[in-house]
Amino acid sequence: MIALLDTPQDLDNCEIEIGCEVGQLLSPTTRRLLRGDRPWAIDNGCFVRFAADTFLGMLERNVQHRDRCLFVTVPDIVGSARRTLELFDYWKPRLAGWKAALAMQDGQEHLPIPWDKIDAVFIGGTTAFKDRDHAAHIVQTAKAMGKWVHVGRVNHAARFDHFLQLGADSIDGTGIARYSHMRKAINGRHDQHSLELRHEPASRHAGRTARQDHTLGMDARVDGE
C-alpha cells in the first residue's frame, strides 16, 4: 500500500518513518510541484473548497507526466453521494486522458456506481461511512473489478491496517503528511500492540467473546484528524 502525501518534507525520510512506499498527492489547495519519479495522484481540494481554475491549471501543468499519474479525483461533494454523481457526470468529459477516480460518499450504498466510466475509487465520506461495511464492500467490489482503491484520511494504525487487509492500493491523510510522530506510530503499530498485550491484566480478557473482541476493534477506529 502506498502512502500518497501532500507535503513539502523529504519523501525519502517520510518513507522510512511510515514503513511503506511513499508517493505524492497533489492538491489545488496547497499547489505543490511534482518531485522526482515517485507514484503520484491529484486530489480535487473539495474537502476544503473547490477552485475549478486551480484544479484545471494543475492538470495542465502536469500533463506531460500524465502517464505516471495513478488517478485524478473527480470533483465531489463531501458527505453526499447523489450530488457527487451529478458532479461526476459534469466533470468526467473534461478529464479526458486522465485516470478518473470517483469519490465514495455517504449514501453511495443506495446508488449505482458507474464502474465502466472510472479507473479508481476514492473512499471519502464521513468517518461513520468510511469505517462501516458500506465502504468495505465497495473496496472489495472495486478490487474484484481490477480498479485502483485509494482511501482518504488514514492517520492512525487501526484504519491503516483495516484498509491494508481489505486490499487498498493507496492512502492519504493530513496527519501523516504533516507529522513525523503519526507516520512512526503507523510503522511501529505491531510493536505497540505487542507491548500492550504483555502489560494488559489477564482479568480484562476473562469472559470476553469473539464478538466482543471484534466490536472493540471496530470501536478503536476513531478519526485521526
C-alpha atoms as a PDB file:
ATOM      1  CA  MET A   1       0.000   0.000   0.000  1.00  0.00           C
ATOM      2  CA  ILE A   2       1.340   3.418  -0.996  1.00  0.00           C
ATOM      3  CA  ALA A   3       1.041   6.492   1.217  1.00  0.00           C
ATOM      4  CA  LEU A   4       0.399   9.498  -1.036  1.00  0.00           C
ATOM      5  CA  LEU A   5       1.485  12.598   0.870  1.00  0.00           C
ATOM      6  CA  ASP A   6       0.775  16.257   0.232  1.00  0.00           C
ATOM      7  CA  THR A   7       3.873  17.557   1.987  1.00  0.00           C
ATOM      8  CA  PRO A   8       6.988  19.695   1.448  1.00  0.00           C
ATOM      9  CA  GLN A   9       9.007  17.296   3.631  1.00  0.00           C
ATOM     10  CA  ASP A  10      11.701  14.950   2.338  1.00  0.00           C
ATOM     11  CA  LEU A  11       9.863  11.965   0.866  1.00  0.00           C
ATOM     12  CA  ASP A  12      12.719   9.547   1.489  1.00  0.00           C
ATOM     13  CA  ASN A  13      12.575  10.343   5.210  1.00  0.00           C
ATOM     14  CA  CYS A  14       8.785  10.055   5.204  1.00  0.00           C
ATOM     15  CA  GLU A  15       9.068   6.619   3.643  1.00  0.00           C
ATOM     16  CA  ILE A  16      11.471   5.439   6.344  1.00  0.00           C
ATOM     17  CA  GLU A  17       9.230   6.792   9.089  1.00  0.00           C
ATOM     18  CA  ILE A  18       5.949   5.280   7.872  1.00  0.00           C
ATOM     19  CA  GLY A  19       7.411   1.981   6.696  1.00  0.00           C
ATOM     20  CA  CYS A  20       5.725   1.743   3.300  1.00  0.00           C
ATOM     21  CA  GLU A  21       6.173   3.179  -0.170  1.00  0.00           C
ATOM     22  CA  VAL A  22       5.546   6.930  -0.355  1.00  0.00           C
ATOM     23  CA  GLY A  23       4.344   8.985  -3.300  1.00  0.00           C
ATOM     24  CA  GLN A  24       2.875  12.441  -3.849  1.00  0.00           C
ATOM     25  CA  LEU A  25      -0.703  13.668  -3.707  1.00  0.00           C
ATOM     26  CA  LEU A  26      -1.011  16.997  -5.490  1.00  0.00           C
ATOM     27  CA  SER A  27      -3.844  19.281  -4.472  1.00  0.00           C
ATOM     28  CA  PRO A  28      -5.101  22.646  -5.724  1.00  0.00           C
ATOM     29  CA  THR A  29      -5.316  23.638  -2.058  1.00  0.00           C
ATOM     30  CA  THR A  30      -1.543  23.563  -1.494  1.00  0.00           C
ATOM     31  CA  ARG A  31      -0.368  23.836  -5.132  1.00  0.00           C
ATOM     32  CA  ARG A  32       2.830  21.851  -4.603  1.00  0.00           C
ATOM     33  CA  LEU A  33       5.037  20.828  -7.518  1.00  0.00           C
ATOM     34  CA  LEU A  34       5.674  17.282  -8.617  1.00  0.00           C
ATOM     35  CA  ARG A  35       9.031  15.925  -7.423  1.00  0.00           C
ATOM     36  CA  GLY A  36      11.061  13.061  -8.886  1.00  0.00           C
ATOM     37  CA  ASP A  37       9.602   9.891 -10.319  1.00  0.00           C
ATOM     38  CA  ARG A  38       7.584   8.585  -7.377  1.00  0.00           C
ATOM     39  CA  PRO A  39       3.962   7.440  -7.790  1.00  0.00           C
ATOM     40  CA  TRP A  40       1.580  10.381  -7.716  1.00  0.00           C
ATOM     41  CA  ALA A  41      -2.061  11.371  -7.977  1.00  0.00           C
ATOM     42  CA  ILE A  42      -4.211  14.510  -7.977  1.00  0.00           C
ATOM     43  CA  ASP A  43      -6.889  15.351  -5.440  1.00  0.00           C
ATOM     44  CA  ASN A  44      -9.538  17.988  -6.160  1.00  0.00           C
ATOM     45  CA  GLY A  45      -9.429  20.037  -2.944  1.00  0.00           C
ATOM     46  CA  CYS A  46     -13.167  19.707  -2.395  1.00  0.00           C
ATOM     47  CA  PHE A  47     -12.673  18.681   1.247  1.00  0.00           C
ATOM     48  CA  VAL A  48     -11.641  22.301   1.881  1.00  0.00           C
ATOM     49  CA  ARG A  49     -13.058  24.322  -1.028  1.00  0.00           C
ATOM     50  CA  PHE A  50     -13.127  23.532  -4.715  1.00  0.00           C
ATOM     51  CA  ALA A  51     -11.443  26.005  -7.066  1.00  0.00           C
ATOM     52  CA  ALA A  52     -12.103  24.924 -10.645  1.00  0.00           C
ATOM     53  CA  ASP A  53      -9.483  27.149 -12.298  1.00  0.00           C
ATOM     54  CA  THR A  54      -6.750  25.993  -9.935  1.00  0.00           C
ATOM     55  CA  PHE A  55      -7.751  22.364 -10.404  1.00  0.00           C
ATOM     56  CA  LEU A  56      -7.683  22.612 -14.197  1.00  0.00           C
ATOM     57  CA  GLY A  57      -4.408  24.528 -14.057  1.00  0.00           C
ATOM     58  CA  MET A  58      -2.819  21.718 -12.068  1.00  0.00           C
ATOM     59  CA  LEU A  59      -3.903  19.209 -14.710  1.00  0.00           C
ATOM     60  CA  GLU A  60      -2.485  21.344 -17.489  1.00  0.00           C
ATOM     61  CA  ARG A  61       0.811  21.917 -15.654  1.00  0.00           C
ATOM     62  CA  ASN A  62       1.370  18.185 -15.179  1.00  0.00           C
ATOM     63  CA  VAL A  63       0.008  16.823 -18.434  1.00  0.00           C
ATOM     64  CA  GLN A  64       3.487  15.692 -19.561  1.00  0.00           C
ATOM     65  CA  HIS A  65       3.579  13.326 -16.563  1.00  0.00           C
ATOM     66  CA  ARG A  66       0.034  12.027 -17.067  1.00  0.00           C
ATOM     67  CA  ASP A  67       1.161   8.503 -17.930  1.00  0.00           C
ATOM     68  CA  ARG A  68       2.556   8.084 -14.376  1.00  0.00           C
ATOM     69  CA  CYS A  69      -0.484   9.540 -12.603  1.00  0.00           C
ATOM     70  CA  LEU A  70      -2.367   6.917 -10.594  1.00  0.00           C
ATOM     71  CA  PHE A  71      -5.668   8.811 -10.648  1.00  0.00           C
ATOM     72  CA  VAL A  72      -7.365  12.195 -10.586  1.00  0.00           C
ATOM     73  CA  THR A  73     -10.189  12.565  -8.087  1.00  0.00           C
ATOM     74  CA  VAL A  74     -13.210  13.921  -9.936  1.00  0.00           C
ATOM     75  CA  PRO A  75     -14.812  16.875  -8.056  1.00  0.00           C
ATOM     76  CA  ASP A  76     -17.212  15.722  -5.359  1.00  0.00           C
ATOM     77  CA  ILE A  77     -19.499  16.879  -2.564  1.00  0.00           C
ATOM     78  CA  VAL A  78     -18.329  15.706   0.840  1.00  0.00           C
ATOM     79  CA  GLY A  79     -20.985  13.568   2.531  1.00  0.00           C
ATOM     80  CA  SER A  80     -23.362  13.370  -0.454  1.00  0.00           C
ATOM     81  CA  ALA A  81     -23.104  10.524  -2.950  1.00  0.00           C
ATOM     82  CA  ARG A  82     -26.031  11.748  -5.045  1.00  0.00           C
ATOM     83  CA  ARG A  83     -24.598  15.224  -5.592  1.00  0.00           C
ATOM     84  CA  THR A  84     -21.151  13.700  -6.202  1.00  0.00           C
ATOM     85  CA  LEU A  85     -22.538  11.547  -9.012  1.00  0.00           C
ATOM     86  CA  GLU A  86     -24.067  14.639 -10.595  1.00  0.00           C
ATOM     87  CA  LEU A  87     -20.685  16.385 -10.479  1.00  0.00           C
ATOM     88  CA  PHE A  88     -19.044  13.292 -11.926  1.00  0.00           C
ATOM     89  CA  ASP A  89     -21.314  13.404 -14.994  1.00  0.00           C
ATOM     90  CA  TYR A  90     -20.395  17.067 -15.498  1.00  0.00           C
ATOM     91  CA  TRP A  91     -16.631  16.806 -14.933  1.00  0.00           C
ATOM     92  CA  LYS A  92     -15.690  13.409 -16.351  1.00  0.00           C
ATOM     93  CA  PRO A  93     -15.701  14.560 -20.028  1.00  0.00           C
ATOM     94  CA  ARG A  94     -13.334  17.409 -19.069  1.00  0.00           C
ATOM     95  CA  LEU A  95     -10.772  14.934 -17.721  1.00  0.00           C
ATOM     96  CA  ALA A  96     -10.220  13.016 -20.945  1.00  0.00           C
ATOM     97  CA  GLY A  97      -6.896  11.192 -20.970  1.00  0.00           C
ATOM     98  CA  TRP A  98      -6.620  11.088 -17.164  1.00  0.00           C
ATOM     99  CA  LYS A  99      -7.450   8.108 -14.950  1.00  0.00           C
ATOM    100  CA  ALA A 100     -10.628   9.124 -13.141  1.00  0.00           C
ATOM    101  CA  ALA A 101     -11.371   8.291  -9.502  1.00  0.00           C
ATOM    102  CA  LEU A 102     -14.921   8.591  -8.219  1.00  0.00           C
ATOM    103  CA  ALA A 103     -15.139   9.710  -4.588  1.00  0.00           C
ATOM    104  CA  MET A 104     -17.347   7.440  -2.497  1.00  0.00           C
ATOM    105  CA  GLN A 105     -19.567   9.478  -0.184  1.00  0.00           C
ATOM    106  CA  ASP A 106     -22.328   8.795   2.331  1.00  0.00           C
ATOM    107  CA  GLY A 107     -25.323   7.209   0.614  1.00  0.00           C
ATOM    108  CA  GLN A 108     -23.334   5.510  -2.159  1.00  0.00           C
ATOM    109  CA  GLU A 109     -24.511   2.132  -0.882  1.00  0.00           C
ATOM    110  CA  HIS A 110     -28.005   3.023  -2.205  1.00  0.00           C
ATOM    111  CA  LEU A 111     -26.860   4.260  -5.612  1.00  0.00           C
ATOM    112  CA  PRO A 112     -25.244   2.598  -8.647  1.00  0.00           C
ATOM    113  CA  ILE A 113     -21.533   3.116  -9.267  1.00  0.00           C
ATOM    114  CA  PRO A 114     -20.591   3.833 -12.928  1.00  0.00           C
ATOM    115  CA  TRP A 115     -17.866   1.190 -12.951  1.00  0.00           C
ATOM    116  CA  ASP A 116     -17.365   1.313 -16.713  1.00  0.00           C
ATOM    117  CA  LYS A 117     -16.513   5.039 -16.545  1.00  0.00           C
ATOM    118  CA  ILE A 118     -13.963   5.018 -13.726  1.00  0.00           C
ATOM    119  CA  ASP A 119     -10.427   3.748 -13.190  1.00  0.00           C
ATOM    120  CA  ALA A 120     -10.362   4.106  -9.416  1.00  0.00           C
ATOM    121  CA  VAL A 121     -12.438   4.683  -6.311  1.00  0.00           C
ATOM    122  CA  PHE A 122     -11.535   7.179  -3.610  1.00  0.00           C
ATOM    123  CA  ILE A 123     -13.030   6.199  -0.241  1.00  0.00           C
ATOM    124  CA  GLY A 124     -14.091   9.523   1.227  1.00  0.00           C
ATOM    125  CA  GLY A 125     -17.217  10.395   3.173  1.00  0.00           C
ATOM    126  CA  THR A 126     -17.722  10.893   6.868  1.00  0.00           C
ATOM    127  CA  THR A 127     -15.990   8.782   9.493  1.00  0.00           C
ATOM    128  CA  ALA A 128     -19.210   6.816  10.036  1.00  0.00           C
ATOM    129  CA  PHE A 129     -19.349   5.884   6.339  1.00  0.00           C
ATOM    130  CA  LYS A 130     -15.644   5.130   5.991  1.00  0.00           C
ATOM    131  CA  ASP A 131     -15.463   2.749   8.945  1.00  0.00           C
ATOM    132  CA  ARG A 132     -18.603   0.708   8.252  1.00  0.00           C
ATOM    133  CA  ASP A 133     -19.295  -2.225   5.969  1.00  0.00           C
ATOM    134  CA  HIS A 134     -20.606   0.027   3.176  1.00  0.00           C
ATOM    135  CA  ALA A 135     -17.091   1.275   2.394  1.00  0.00           C
ATOM    136  CA  ALA A 136     -15.537  -2.168   2.867  1.00  0.00           C
ATOM    137  CA  HIS A 137     -17.951  -3.690   0.366  1.00  0.00           C
ATOM    138  CA  ILE A 138     -17.092  -1.002  -2.193  1.00  0.00           C
ATOM    139  CA  VAL A 139     -13.384  -1.719  -1.740  1.00  0.00           C
ATOM    140  CA  GLN A 140     -13.941  -5.444  -2.211  1.00  0.00           C
ATOM    141  CA  THR A 141     -16.050  -4.898  -5.326  1.00  0.00           C
ATOM    142  CA  ALA A 142     -13.543  -2.465  -6.828  1.00  0.00           C
ATOM    143  CA  LYS A 143     -10.667  -4.873  -6.299  1.00  0.00           C
ATOM    144  CA  ALA A 144     -12.642  -7.703  -7.892  1.00  0.00           C
ATOM    145  CA  MET A 145     -13.120  -5.456 -10.935  1.00  0.00           C
ATOM    146  CA  GLY A 146      -9.448  -4.517 -11.138  1.00  0.00           C
ATOM    147  CA  LYS A 147      -9.938  -0.890 -10.072  1.00  0.00           C
ATOM    148  CA  TRP A 148      -7.421   1.123  -8.064  1.00  0.00           C
ATOM    149  CA  VAL A 149      -8.578   1.794  -4.488  1.00  0.00           C
ATOM    150  CA  HIS A 150      -7.499   4.894  -2.593  1.00  0.00           C
ATOM    151  CA  VAL A 151      -8.604   5.780   0.939  1.00  0.00           C
ATOM    152  CA  GLY A 152      -8.563   9.294   2.341  1.00  0.00           C
ATOM    153  CA  ARG A 153      -7.949  10.385   5.951  1.00  0.00           C
ATOM    154  CA  VAL A 154      -5.879   7.426   7.100  1.00  0.00           C
ATOM    155  CA  ASN A 155      -3.940   8.865  10.013  1.00  0.00           C
ATOM    156  CA  HIS A 156      -3.706   6.075  12.557  1.00  0.00           C
ATOM    157  CA  ALA A 157      -2.701   2.450  12.769  1.00  0.00           C
ATOM    158  CA  ALA A 158      -6.144   0.849  13.159  1.00  0.00           C
ATOM    159  CA  ARG A 159      -7.516   2.381   9.967  1.00  0.00           C
ATOM    160  CA  PHE A 160      -4.256   1.715   8.115  1.00  0.00           C
ATOM    161  CA  ASP A 161      -4.416  -1.988   8.984  1.00  0.00           C
ATOM    162  CA  HIS A 162      -8.145  -2.194   8.234  1.00  0.00           C
ATOM    163  CA  PHE A 163      -7.774  -0.991   4.660  1.00  0.00           C
ATOM    164  CA  LEU A 164      -4.472  -2.787   4.138  1.00  0.00           C
ATOM    165  CA  GLN A 165      -6.249  -6.061   4.903  1.00  0.00           C
ATOM    166  CA  LEU A 166      -9.060  -5.141   2.516  1.00  0.00           C
ATOM    167  CA  GLY A 167      -6.523  -4.699  -0.279  1.00  0.00           C
ATOM    168  CA  ALA A 168      -6.491  -0.914  -0.727  1.00  0.00           C
ATOM    169  CA  ASP A 169      -3.746   0.321  -3.056  1.00  0.00           C
ATOM    170  CA  SER A 170      -3.048   3.756  -1.591  1.00  0.00           C
ATOM    171  CA  ILE A 171      -3.959   6.111   1.242  1.00  0.00           C
ATOM    172  CA  ASP A 172      -3.535   9.719   2.267  1.00  0.00           C
ATOM    173  CA  GLY A 173      -4.006  11.749   5.419  1.00  0.00           C
ATOM    174  CA  THR A 174      -3.352  15.284   6.600  1.00  0.00           C
ATOM    175  CA  GLY A 175      -1.845  13.974   9.825  1.00  0.00           C
ATOM    176  CA  ILE A 176       0.646  11.591   8.228  1.00  0.00           C
ATOM    177  CA  ALA A 177       1.566  14.253   5.671  1.00  0.00           C
ATOM    178  CA  ARG A 178       2.424  16.768   8.397  1.00  0.00           C
ATOM    179  CA  TYR A 179       3.644  14.898  11.444  1.00  0.00           C
ATOM    180  CA  SER A 180       6.587  12.583  11.865  1.00  0.00           C
ATOM    181  CA  HIS A 181       5.175  11.019  15.041  1.00  0.00           C
ATOM    182  CA  MET A 182       1.994   9.937  13.233  1.00  0.00           C
ATOM    183  CA  ARG A 183       3.983   8.216  10.497  1.00  0.00           C
ATOM    184  CA  LYS A 184       6.173   6.495  13.076  1.00  0.00           C
ATOM    185  CA  ALA A 185       3.099   5.352  15.018  1.00  0.00           C
ATOM    186  CA  ILE A 186       1.822   3.529  11.931  1.00  0.00           C
ATOM    187  CA  ASN A 187       5.225   1.964  11.316  1.00  0.00           C
ATOM    188  CA  GLY A 188       5.513   0.807  14.926  1.00  0.00           C
ATOM    189  CA  ARG A 189       1.905  -0.339  15.296  1.00  0.00           C
ATOM    190  CA  HIS A 190       2.727  -4.038  15.733  1.00  0.00           C
ATOM    191  CA  ASP A 191       5.392  -3.379  18.374  1.00  0.00           C
ATOM    192  CA  GLN A 192       2.965  -1.193  20.309  1.00  0.00           C
ATOM    193  CA  HIS A 193       0.239  -3.833  20.123  1.00  0.00           C
ATOM    194  CA  SER A 194       2.622  -6.497  21.468  1.00  0.00           C
ATOM    195  CA  LEU A 195       3.653  -4.201  24.303  1.00  0.00           C
ATOM    196  CA  GLU A 196       0.019  -3.557  25.250  1.00  0.00           C
ATOM    197  CA  LEU A 197      -0.772  -7.279  25.277  1.00  0.00           C
ATOM    198  CA  ARG A 198       2.185  -8.016  27.562  1.00  0.00           C
ATOM    199  CA  HIS A 199       1.041  -5.393  30.076  1.00  0.00           C
ATOM    200  CA  GLU A 200      -2.731  -5.976  29.905  1.00  0.00           C
ATOM    201  CA  PRO A 201      -4.082  -7.789  33.008  1.00  0.00           C
ATOM    202  CA  ALA A 202      -5.390 -11.272  32.276  1.00  0.00           C
ATOM    203  CA  SER A 203      -8.653 -10.372  34.030  1.00  0.00           C
ATOM    204  CA  ARG A 204      -9.523  -7.998  31.188  1.00  0.00           C
ATOM    205  CA  HIS A 205      -9.767 -10.947  28.789  1.00  0.00           C
ATOM    206  CA  ALA A 206     -11.820 -13.187  31.069  1.00  0.00           C
ATOM    207  CA  GLY A 207     -15.255 -13.970  29.667  1.00  0.00           C
ATOM    208  CA  ARG A 208     -14.734 -11.930  26.505  1.00  0.00           C
ATOM    209  CA  THR A 209     -16.414 -13.410  23.452  1.00  0.00           C
ATOM    210  CA  ALA A 210     -15.115 -13.350  19.893  1.00  0.00           C
ATOM    211  CA  ARG A 211     -17.898 -10.915  19.005  1.00  0.00           C
ATOM    212  CA  GLN A 212     -16.820  -8.562  21.800  1.00  0.00           C
ATOM    213  CA  ASP A 213     -13.228  -8.694  20.580  1.00  0.00           C
ATOM    214  CA  HIS A 214     -14.409  -7.723  17.089  1.00  0.00           C
ATOM    215  CA  THR A 215     -16.548  -4.881  18.446  1.00  0.00           C
ATOM    216  CA  LEU A 216     -13.690  -3.486  20.497  1.00  0.00           C
ATOM    217  CA  GLY A 217     -11.505  -3.473  17.423  1.00  0.00           C
ATOM    218  CA  MET A 218     -14.103  -1.603  15.400  1.00  0.00           C
ATOM    219  CA  ASP A 219     -14.725   0.934  18.157  1.00  0.00           C
ATOM    220  CA  ALA A 220     -10.998   1.677  18.251  1.00  0.00           C
ATOM    221  CA  ARG A 221     -11.171   3.119  14.741  1.00  0.00           C
ATOM    222  CA  VAL A 222     -11.584   6.771  15.552  1.00  0.00           C
ATOM    223  CA  ASP A 223     -10.776   9.548  13.125  1.00  0.00           C
ATOM    224  CA  GLY A 224      -7.179  10.693  13.471  1.00  0.00           C
ATOM    225  CA  GLU A 225      -7.630  14.237  12.170  1.00  0.00           C
END
